[in-house]
PDB file of all heavy atoms in Angstrom:
ATOM      1  N   ALA A   1       7.170  -3.687  -6.149  1.00  0.00           N
ATOM      2  CA  ALA A   1       5.754  -3.338  -6.088  1.00  0.00           C
ATOM      3  C   ALA A   1       5.583  -1.826  -5.869  1.00  0.00           C
ATOM      4  O   ALA A   1       6.474  -1.165  -5.304  1.00  0.00           O
ATOM      5  CB  ALA A   1       5.074  -4.068  -4.926  1.00  0.00           C
ATOM      6  N   LEU A   2       4.485  -1.287  -6.355  1.00  0.00           N
ATOM      7  CA  LEU A   2       4.202   0.158  -6.278  1.00  0.00           C
ATOM      8  C   LEU A   2       2.957   0.386  -5.474  1.00  0.00           C
ATOM      9  O   LEU A   2       1.817   0.010  -5.937  1.00  0.00           O
ATOM     10  CB  LEU A   2       4.069   0.766  -7.648  1.00  0.00           C
ATOM     11  CG  LEU A   2       3.743   2.268  -7.715  1.00  0.00           C
ATOM     12  CD1 LEU A   2       4.945   3.097  -7.207  1.00  0.00           C
ATOM     13  CD2 LEU A   2       3.372   2.671  -9.149  1.00  0.00           C
ATOM     14  N   LEU A   3       3.058   0.964  -4.304  1.00  0.00           N
ATOM     15  CA  LEU A   3       1.882   1.292  -3.461  1.00  0.00           C
ATOM     16  C   LEU A   3       1.449   2.691  -3.738  1.00  0.00           C
ATOM     17  O   LEU A   3       2.303   3.589  -3.858  1.00  0.00           O
ATOM     18  CB  LEU A   3       2.260   1.120  -1.974  1.00  0.00           C
ATOM     19  CG  LEU A   3       2.356  -0.306  -1.431  1.00  0.00           C
ATOM     20  CD1 LEU A   3       3.263  -0.327  -0.189  1.00  0.00           C
ATOM     21  CD2 LEU A   3       0.975  -0.860  -1.105  1.00  0.00           C
ATOM     22  N   GLU A   4       0.162   2.881  -3.801  1.00  0.00           N
ATOM     23  CA  GLU A   4      -0.444   4.200  -4.103  1.00  0.00           C
ATOM     24  C   GLU A   4      -1.315   4.676  -2.913  1.00  0.00           C
ATOM     25  O   GLU A   4      -2.244   4.008  -2.524  1.00  0.00           O
ATOM     26  CB  GLU A   4      -1.233   4.177  -5.371  1.00  0.00           C
ATOM     27  CG  GLU A   4      -0.445   3.816  -6.603  1.00  0.00           C
ATOM     28  CD  GLU A   4      -1.291   3.782  -7.848  1.00  0.00           C
ATOM     29  OE1 GLU A   4      -2.486   4.123  -7.797  1.00  0.00           O
ATOM     30  OE2 GLU A   4      -0.736   3.275  -8.916  1.00  0.00           O
ATOM     31  N   ASN A   5      -0.994   5.887  -2.450  1.00  0.00           N
ATOM     32  CA  ASN A   5      -1.795   6.607  -1.521  1.00  0.00           C
ATOM     33  C   ASN A   5      -2.082   5.902  -0.215  1.00  0.00           C
ATOM     34  O   ASN A   5      -3.146   6.056   0.398  1.00  0.00           O
ATOM     35  CB  ASN A   5      -3.155   6.964  -2.218  1.00  0.00           C
ATOM     36  CG  ASN A   5      -2.937   7.779  -3.514  1.00  0.00           C
ATOM     37  OD1 ASN A   5      -2.194   8.732  -3.477  1.00  0.00           O
ATOM     38  ND2 ASN A   5      -3.563   7.313  -4.555  1.00  0.00           N
ATOM     39  N   VAL A   6      -1.044   5.132   0.271  1.00  0.00           N
ATOM     40  CA  VAL A   6      -1.146   4.534   1.554  1.00  0.00           C
ATOM     41  C   VAL A   6      -0.406   5.398   2.552  1.00  0.00           C
ATOM     42  O   VAL A   6       0.369   6.281   2.199  1.00  0.00           O
ATOM     43  CB  VAL A   6      -0.495   3.113   1.559  1.00  0.00           C
ATOM     44  CG1 VAL A   6      -1.236   2.201   0.623  1.00  0.00           C
ATOM     45  CG2 VAL A   6       0.942   3.171   1.145  1.00  0.00           C
ATOM     46  N   VAL A   7      -0.659   5.157   3.826  1.00  0.00           N
ATOM     47  CA  VAL A   7      -0.020   5.898   4.911  1.00  0.00           C
ATOM     48  C   VAL A   7       0.940   4.990   5.604  1.00  0.00           C
ATOM     49  O   VAL A   7       0.674   3.828   5.892  1.00  0.00           O
ATOM     50  CB  VAL A   7      -1.060   6.421   5.920  1.00  0.00           C
ATOM     51  CG1 VAL A   7      -0.380   7.074   7.116  1.00  0.00           C
ATOM     52  CG2 VAL A   7      -2.032   7.406   5.243  1.00  0.00           C
ATOM     53  N   LEU A   8       2.190   5.462   5.883  1.00  0.00           N
ATOM     54  CA  LEU A   8       3.220   4.617   6.497  1.00  0.00           C
ATOM     55  C   LEU A   8       3.337   4.931   7.976  1.00  0.00           C
ATOM     56  O   LEU A   8       3.176   6.117   8.388  1.00  0.00           O
ATOM     57  CB  LEU A   8       4.575   4.883   5.791  1.00  0.00           C
ATOM     58  CG  LEU A   8       4.643   4.611   4.309  1.00  0.00           C
ATOM     59  CD1 LEU A   8       6.109   4.738   3.819  1.00  0.00           C
ATOM     60  CD2 LEU A   8       4.084   3.237   3.932  1.00  0.00           C
ATOM     61  N   ASN A   9       3.651   3.910   8.746  1.00  0.00           N
ATOM     62  CA  ASN A   9       3.943   4.089  10.143  1.00  0.00           C
ATOM     63  C   ASN A   9       5.389   4.593  10.302  1.00  0.00           C
ATOM     64  O   ASN A   9       6.148   4.743   9.325  1.00  0.00           O
ATOM     65  CB  ASN A   9       3.789   2.764  10.890  1.00  0.00           C
ATOM     66  CG  ASN A   9       2.378   2.246  10.833  1.00  0.00           C
ATOM     67  OD1 ASN A   9       1.441   2.988  11.118  1.00  0.00           O
ATOM     68  ND2 ASN A   9       2.215   0.946  10.418  1.00  0.00           N
ATOM     69  N   GLU A  10       5.800   4.866  11.540  1.00  0.00           N
ATOM     70  CA  GLU A  10       7.141   5.431  11.775  1.00  0.00           C
ATOM     71  C   GLU A  10       8.247   4.494  11.347  1.00  0.00           C
ATOM     72  O   GLU A  10       9.353   4.933  10.940  1.00  0.00           O
ATOM     73  CB  GLU A  10       7.313   5.746  13.261  1.00  0.00           C
ATOM     74  CG  GLU A  10       6.491   6.947  13.745  1.00  0.00           C
ATOM     75  CD  GLU A  10       6.781   7.319  15.207  1.00  0.00           C
ATOM     76  OE1 GLU A  10       7.640   6.665  15.772  1.00  0.00           O
ATOM     77  OE2 GLU A  10       6.100   8.232  15.718  1.00  0.00           O
ATOM     78  N   ASP A  11       8.018   3.172  11.364  1.00  0.00           N
ATOM     79  CA  ASP A  11       9.018   2.224  10.919  1.00  0.00           C
ATOM     80  C   ASP A  11       8.893   1.889   9.436  1.00  0.00           C
ATOM     81  O   ASP A  11       9.502   0.965   8.906  1.00  0.00           O
ATOM     82  CB  ASP A  11       8.903   0.916  11.741  1.00  0.00           C
ATOM     83  CG  ASP A  11       7.531   0.219  11.545  1.00  0.00           C
ATOM     84  OD1 ASP A  11       6.657   0.766  10.896  1.00  0.00           O
ATOM     85  OD2 ASP A  11       7.356  -0.918  12.093  1.00  0.00           O
ATOM     86  N   ASN A  12       8.124   2.728   8.690  1.00  0.00           N
ATOM     87  CA  ASN A  12       7.888   2.594   7.264  1.00  0.00           C
ATOM     88  C   ASN A  12       7.088   1.345   6.865  1.00  0.00           C
ATOM     89  O   ASN A  12       7.080   0.921   5.702  1.00  0.00           O
ATOM     90  CB  ASN A  12       9.240   2.617   6.518  1.00  0.00           C
ATOM     91  CG  ASN A  12       9.647   4.048   6.209  1.00  0.00           C
ATOM     92  OD1 ASN A  12       9.228   4.985   6.928  1.00  0.00           O
ATOM     93  ND2 ASN A  12      10.513   4.264   5.223  1.00  0.00           N
ATOM     94  N   SER A  13       6.447   0.718   7.827  1.00  0.00           N
ATOM     95  CA  SER A  13       5.476  -0.316   7.492  1.00  0.00           C
ATOM     96  C   SER A  13       4.169   0.354   7.092  1.00  0.00           C
ATOM     97  O   SER A  13       3.926   1.540   7.392  1.00  0.00           O
ATOM     98  CB  SER A  13       5.204  -1.232   8.701  1.00  0.00           C
ATOM     99  OG  SER A  13       4.634  -0.534   9.789  1.00  0.00           O
ATOM    100  N   VAL A  14       3.309  -0.324   6.347  1.00  0.00           N
ATOM    101  CA  VAL A  14       2.103   0.263   5.843  1.00  0.00           C
ATOM    102  C   VAL A  14       0.989   0.096   6.833  1.00  0.00           C
ATOM    103  O   VAL A  14       0.754  -0.998   7.342  1.00  0.00           O
ATOM    104  CB  VAL A  14       1.725  -0.361   4.480  1.00  0.00           C
ATOM    105  CG1 VAL A  14       0.445   0.292   3.929  1.00  0.00           C
ATOM    106  CG2 VAL A  14       2.849  -0.215   3.450  1.00  0.00           C
ATOM    107  N   ASP A  15       0.230   1.127   7.078  1.00  0.00           N
ATOM    108  CA  ASP A  15      -0.990   1.112   7.844  1.00  0.00           C
ATOM    109  C   ASP A  15      -2.148   0.880   6.896  1.00  0.00           C
ATOM    110  O   ASP A  15      -2.648   1.860   6.336  1.00  0.00           O
ATOM    111  CB  ASP A  15      -1.188   2.346   8.708  1.00  0.00           C
ATOM    112  CG  ASP A  15      -2.407   2.295   9.611  1.00  0.00           C
ATOM    113  OD1 ASP A  15      -3.221   1.346   9.437  1.00  0.00           O
ATOM    114  OD2 ASP A  15      -2.531   3.168  10.458  1.00  0.00           O
ATOM    115  N   PHE A  16      -2.508  -0.332   6.668  1.00  0.00           N
ATOM    116  CA  PHE A  16      -3.480  -0.626   5.657  1.00  0.00           C
ATOM    117  C   PHE A  16      -4.875  -0.204   6.049  1.00  0.00           C
ATOM    118  O   PHE A  16      -5.768  -0.129   5.178  1.00  0.00           O
ATOM    119  CB  PHE A  16      -3.476  -2.143   5.330  1.00  0.00           C
ATOM    120  CG  PHE A  16      -2.273  -2.607   4.610  1.00  0.00           C
ATOM    121  CD1 PHE A  16      -1.316  -3.428   5.211  1.00  0.00           C
ATOM    122  CD2 PHE A  16      -2.037  -2.225   3.271  1.00  0.00           C
ATOM    123  CE1 PHE A  16      -0.167  -3.862   4.562  1.00  0.00           C
ATOM    124  CE2 PHE A  16      -0.902  -2.657   2.607  1.00  0.00           C
ATOM    125  CZ  PHE A  16       0.044  -3.496   3.240  1.00  0.00           C
ATOM    126  N   GLU A  17      -5.116   0.119   7.295  1.00  0.00           N
ATOM    127  CA  GLU A  17      -6.418   0.556   7.790  1.00  0.00           C
ATOM    128  C   GLU A  17      -6.575   2.071   7.645  1.00  0.00           C
ATOM    129  O   GLU A  17      -7.663   2.595   7.772  1.00  0.00           O
ATOM    130  CB  GLU A  17      -6.629   0.100   9.227  1.00  0.00           C
ATOM    131  CG  GLU A  17      -6.709  -1.402   9.390  1.00  0.00           C
ATOM    132  CD  GLU A  17      -6.910  -1.816  10.823  1.00  0.00           C
ATOM    133  OE1 GLU A  17      -7.109  -0.906  11.678  1.00  0.00           O
ATOM    134  OE2 GLU A  17      -7.006  -3.041  11.059  1.00  0.00           O
ATOM    135  N   ASP A  18      -5.509   2.787   7.397  1.00  0.00           N
ATOM    136  CA  ASP A  18      -5.558   4.252   7.330  1.00  0.00           C
ATOM    137  C   ASP A  18      -6.047   4.648   5.932  1.00  0.00           C
ATOM    138  O   ASP A  18      -5.350   4.450   4.934  1.00  0.00           O
ATOM    139  CB  ASP A  18      -4.198   4.872   7.622  1.00  0.00           C
ATOM    140  CG  ASP A  18      -4.259   6.414   7.854  1.00  0.00           C
ATOM    141  OD1 ASP A  18      -5.045   7.038   7.152  1.00  0.00           O
ATOM    142  OD2 ASP A  18      -3.469   6.875   8.673  1.00  0.00           O
ATOM    143  N   THR A  19      -7.210   5.250   5.912  1.00  0.00           N
ATOM    144  CA  THR A  19      -7.792   5.671   4.628  1.00  0.00           C
ATOM    145  C   THR A  19      -7.862   7.226   4.582  1.00  0.00           C
ATOM    146  O   THR A  19      -8.742   7.778   3.867  1.00  0.00           O
ATOM    147  CB  THR A  19      -9.192   5.127   4.420  1.00  0.00           C
ATOM    148  OG1 THR A  19     -10.064   5.526   5.520  1.00  0.00           O
ATOM    149  CG2 THR A  19      -9.128   3.601   4.371  1.00  0.00           C
ATOM    150  N   SER A  20      -6.979   7.905   5.280  1.00  0.00           N
ATOM    151  CA  SER A  20      -7.040   9.331   5.321  1.00  0.00           C
ATOM    152  C   SER A  20      -6.730  10.005   4.001  1.00  0.00           C
ATOM    153  O   SER A  20      -7.207  11.148   3.738  1.00  0.00           O
ATOM    154  CB  SER A  20      -6.034   9.900   6.394  1.00  0.00           C
ATOM    155  OG  SER A  20      -4.732   9.433   6.098  1.00  0.00           O
ATOM    156  N   ILE A  21      -5.987   9.340   3.100  1.00  0.00           N
ATOM    157  CA  ILE A  21      -5.784   9.900   1.730  1.00  0.00           C
ATOM    158  C   ILE A  21      -6.925   9.484   0.819  1.00  0.00           C
ATOM    159  O   ILE A  21      -7.485  10.273   0.108  1.00  0.00           O
ATOM    160  CB  ILE A  21      -4.426   9.419   1.158  1.00  0.00           C
ATOM    161  CG1 ILE A  21      -3.270   9.870   2.053  1.00  0.00           C
ATOM    162  CG2 ILE A  21      -4.190   9.871  -0.247  1.00  0.00           C
ATOM    163  CD1 ILE A  21      -1.921   9.372   1.656  1.00  0.00           C
ATOM    164  N   THR A  22      -7.284   8.197   0.871  1.00  0.00           N
ATOM    165  CA  THR A  22      -8.370   7.664   0.034  1.00  0.00           C
ATOM    166  C   THR A  22      -8.726   6.263   0.536  1.00  0.00           C
ATOM    167  O   THR A  22      -7.872   5.578   1.119  1.00  0.00           O
ATOM    168  CB  THR A  22      -7.976   7.644  -1.455  1.00  0.00           C
ATOM    169  OG1 THR A  22      -9.082   7.062  -2.183  1.00  0.00           O
ATOM    170  CG2 THR A  22      -6.789   6.765  -1.676  1.00  0.00           C
ATOM    171  N   GLN A  23      -9.958   5.837   0.266  1.00  0.00           N
ATOM    172  CA  GLN A  23     -10.317   4.453   0.499  1.00  0.00           C
ATOM    173  C   GLN A  23      -9.767   3.581  -0.650  1.00  0.00           C
ATOM    174  O   GLN A  23      -9.652   2.306  -0.465  1.00  0.00           O
ATOM    175  CB  GLN A  23     -11.814   4.280   0.611  1.00  0.00           C
ATOM    176  CG  GLN A  23     -12.405   4.859   1.903  1.00  0.00           C
ATOM    177  CD  GLN A  23     -13.641   4.174   2.298  1.00  0.00           C
ATOM    178  OE1 GLN A  23     -14.261   3.399   1.606  1.00  0.00           O
ATOM    179  NE2 GLN A  23     -14.154   4.499   3.514  1.00  0.00           N
ATOM    180  N   ASN A  24      -9.439   4.177  -1.745  1.00  0.00           N
ATOM    181  CA  ASN A  24      -8.955   3.439  -2.896  1.00  0.00           C
ATOM    182  C   ASN A  24      -7.438   3.302  -2.885  1.00  0.00           C
ATOM    183  O   ASN A  24      -6.710   3.579  -3.842  1.00  0.00           O
ATOM    184  CB  ASN A  24      -9.389   4.160  -4.182  1.00  0.00           C
ATOM    185  CG  ASN A  24      -9.127   3.335  -5.424  1.00  0.00           C
ATOM    186  OD1 ASN A  24      -9.271   2.137  -5.457  1.00  0.00           O
ATOM    187  ND2 ASN A  24      -8.770   4.036  -6.510  1.00  0.00           N
ATOM    188  N   THR A  25      -6.901   2.792  -1.760  1.00  0.00           N
ATOM    189  CA  THR A  25      -5.458   2.492  -1.663  1.00  0.00           C
ATOM    190  C   THR A  25      -5.151   1.312  -2.573  1.00  0.00           C
ATOM    191  O   THR A  25      -5.929   0.361  -2.569  1.00  0.00           O
ATOM    192  CB  THR A  25      -5.055   2.283  -0.229  1.00  0.00           C
ATOM    193  OG1 THR A  25      -5.898   1.297   0.365  1.00  0.00           O
ATOM    194  CG2 THR A  25      -5.105   3.560   0.583  1.00  0.00           C
ATOM    195  N   ARG A  26      -3.999   1.294  -3.219  1.00  0.00           N
ATOM    196  CA  ARG A  26      -3.735   0.309  -4.248  1.00  0.00           C
ATOM    197  C   ARG A  26      -2.297  -0.158  -4.226  1.00  0.00           C
ATOM    198  O   ARG A  26      -1.441   0.553  -3.720  1.00  0.00           O
ATOM    199  CB  ARG A  26      -4.003   0.898  -5.633  1.00  0.00           C
ATOM    200  CG  ARG A  26      -5.483   1.221  -5.911  1.00  0.00           C
ATOM    201  CD  ARG A  26      -6.161   0.021  -6.570  1.00  0.00           C
ATOM    202  NE  ARG A  26      -7.516   0.258  -6.894  1.00  0.00           N
ATOM    203  CZ  ARG A  26      -8.269  -0.580  -7.599  1.00  0.00           C
ATOM    204  NH1 ARG A  26      -7.780  -1.732  -7.952  1.00  0.00           N
ATOM    205  NH2 ARG A  26      -9.515  -0.308  -7.865  1.00  0.00           N
ATOM    206  N   VAL A  27      -2.098  -1.323  -4.849  1.00  0.00           N
ATOM    207  CA  VAL A  27      -0.722  -1.767  -5.084  1.00  0.00           C
ATOM    208  C   VAL A  27      -0.701  -2.414  -6.465  1.00  0.00           C
ATOM    209  O   VAL A  27      -1.633  -3.108  -6.845  1.00  0.00           O
ATOM    210  CB  VAL A  27      -0.219  -2.796  -4.021  1.00  0.00           C
ATOM    211  CG1 VAL A  27      -1.016  -4.072  -4.038  1.00  0.00           C
ATOM    212  CG2 VAL A  27       1.268  -3.081  -4.237  1.00  0.00           C
ATOM    213  N   SER A  28       0.335  -2.174  -7.235  1.00  0.00           N
ATOM    214  CA  SER A  28       0.595  -2.872  -8.489  1.00  0.00           C
ATOM    215  C   SER A  28       1.863  -3.671  -8.308  1.00  0.00           C
ATOM    216  O   SER A  28       2.822  -3.223  -7.672  1.00  0.00           O
ATOM    217  CB  SER A  28       0.700  -1.940  -9.706  1.00  0.00           C
ATOM    218  OG  SER A  28       1.904  -1.146  -9.597  1.00  0.00           O
ATOM    219  N   TYR A  29       1.898  -4.863  -8.901  1.00  0.00           N
ATOM    220  CA  TYR A  29       3.080  -5.710  -8.834  1.00  0.00           C
ATOM    221  C   TYR A  29       3.023  -6.669 -10.057  1.00  0.00           C
ATOM    222  O   TYR A  29       1.940  -7.029 -10.570  1.00  0.00           O
ATOM    223  CB  TYR A  29       3.154  -6.514  -7.508  1.00  0.00           C
ATOM    224  CG  TYR A  29       1.915  -7.223  -7.158  1.00  0.00           C
ATOM    225  CD1 TYR A  29       1.560  -8.502  -7.659  1.00  0.00           C
ATOM    226  CD2 TYR A  29       0.989  -6.690  -6.292  1.00  0.00           C
ATOM    227  CE1 TYR A  29       0.442  -9.159  -7.340  1.00  0.00           C
ATOM    228  CE2 TYR A  29      -0.157  -7.328  -5.883  1.00  0.00           C
ATOM    229  CZ  TYR A  29      -0.456  -8.542  -6.424  1.00  0.00           C
ATOM    230  OH  TYR A  29      -1.632  -9.232  -6.111  1.00  0.00           O
ATOM    231  N   PRO A  30       4.220  -7.065 -10.536  1.00  0.00           N
ATOM    232  CA  PRO A  30       4.247  -8.023 -11.623  1.00  0.00           C
ATOM    233  C   PRO A  30       3.677  -9.362 -11.194  1.00  0.00           C
ATOM    234  O   PRO A  30       3.797  -9.697 -10.008  1.00  0.00           O
ATOM    235  CB  PRO A  30       5.741  -8.142 -11.964  1.00  0.00           C
ATOM    236  CG  PRO A  30       6.450  -7.671 -10.712  1.00  0.00           C
ATOM    237  CD  PRO A  30       5.562  -6.653 -10.080  1.00  0.00           C
ATOM    238  N   ILE A  31       3.040 -10.080 -12.080  1.00  0.00           N
ATOM    239  CA  ILE A  31       2.326 -11.256 -11.713  1.00  0.00           C
ATOM    240  C   ILE A  31       3.242 -12.340 -11.076  1.00  0.00           C
ATOM    241  O   ILE A  31       2.822 -13.133 -10.263  1.00  0.00           O
ATOM    242  CB  ILE A  31       1.532 -11.835 -12.937  1.00  0.00           C
ATOM    243  CG1 ILE A  31       0.479 -12.875 -12.434  1.00  0.00           C
ATOM    244  CG2 ILE A  31       2.511 -12.488 -13.930  1.00  0.00           C
ATOM    245  CD1 ILE A  31      -0.510 -13.224 -13.519  1.00  0.00           C
ATOM    246  N   HIS A  32       4.568 -12.287 -11.395  1.00  0.00           N
ATOM    247  CA  HIS A  32       5.455 -13.283 -10.785  1.00  0.00           C
ATOM    248  C   HIS A  32       5.713 -13.014  -9.332  1.00  0.00           C
ATOM    249  O   HIS A  32       6.365 -13.822  -8.727  1.00  0.00           O
ATOM    250  CB  HIS A  32       6.785 -13.374 -11.633  1.00  0.00           C
ATOM    251  CG  HIS A  32       7.510 -12.100 -11.747  1.00  0.00           C
ATOM    252  ND1 HIS A  32       7.557 -11.380 -12.881  1.00  0.00           N
ATOM    253  CD2 HIS A  32       8.232 -11.382 -10.843  1.00  0.00           C
ATOM    254  CE1 HIS A  32       8.286 -10.272 -12.745  1.00  0.00           C
ATOM    255  NE2 HIS A  32       8.699 -10.269 -11.501  1.00  0.00           N
ATOM    256  N   HIS A  33       5.203 -11.951  -8.808  1.00  0.00           N
ATOM    257  CA  HIS A  33       5.267 -11.774  -7.316  1.00  0.00           C
ATOM    258  C   HIS A  33       4.318 -12.728  -6.611  1.00  0.00           C
ATOM    259  O   HIS A  33       4.386 -12.904  -5.408  1.00  0.00           O
ATOM    260  CB  HIS A  33       4.916 -10.319  -6.921  1.00  0.00           C
ATOM    261  CG  HIS A  33       6.112  -9.400  -7.014  1.00  0.00           C
ATOM    262  ND1 HIS A  33       6.154  -8.214  -6.342  1.00  0.00           N
ATOM    263  CD2 HIS A  33       7.246  -9.493  -7.713  1.00  0.00           C
ATOM    264  CE1 HIS A  33       7.300  -7.600  -6.594  1.00  0.00           C
ATOM    265  NE2 HIS A  33       7.952  -8.356  -7.470  1.00  0.00           N
ATOM    266  N   ILE A  34       3.340 -13.288  -7.371  1.00  0.00           N
ATOM    267  CA  ILE A  34       2.474 -14.347  -6.851  1.00  0.00           C
ATOM    268  C   ILE A  34       3.165 -15.672  -7.143  1.00  0.00           C
ATOM    269  O   ILE A  34       3.617 -15.932  -8.226  1.00  0.00           O
ATOM    270  CB  ILE A  34       1.077 -14.282  -7.503  1.00  0.00           C
ATOM    271  CG1 ILE A  34       0.405 -12.971  -7.246  1.00  0.00           C
ATOM    272  CG2 ILE A  34       0.216 -15.452  -7.037  1.00  0.00           C
ATOM    273  CD1 ILE A  34      -0.130 -12.761  -5.793  1.00  0.00           C
ATOM    274  N   LYS A  35       3.267 -16.534  -6.126  1.00  0.00           N
ATOM    275  CA  LYS A  35       3.951 -17.774  -6.277  1.00  0.00           C
ATOM    276  C   LYS A  35       3.280 -18.745  -7.262  1.00  0.00           C
ATOM    277  O   LYS A  35       3.964 -19.349  -8.104  1.00  0.00           O
ATOM    278  CB  LYS A  35       4.132 -18.450  -4.925  1.00  0.00           C
ATOM    279  CG  LYS A  35       5.124 -17.820  -3.998  1.00  0.00           C
ATOM    280  CD  LYS A  35       5.282 -18.612  -2.657  1.00  0.00           C
ATOM    281  CE  LYS A  35       6.297 -17.934  -1.768  1.00  0.00           C
ATOM    282  NZ  LYS A  35       6.455 -18.739  -0.506  1.00  0.00           N
TER     283      LYS A  35
END
């Protein structure tokens, strides 16, 4: 998966509530990532 313009915490987890870069944070992934 490719995450765009998200902010990472110290443990490299994503802070999905942080919109300091943009509110338009995104992810792309191939459809087979959905079960």
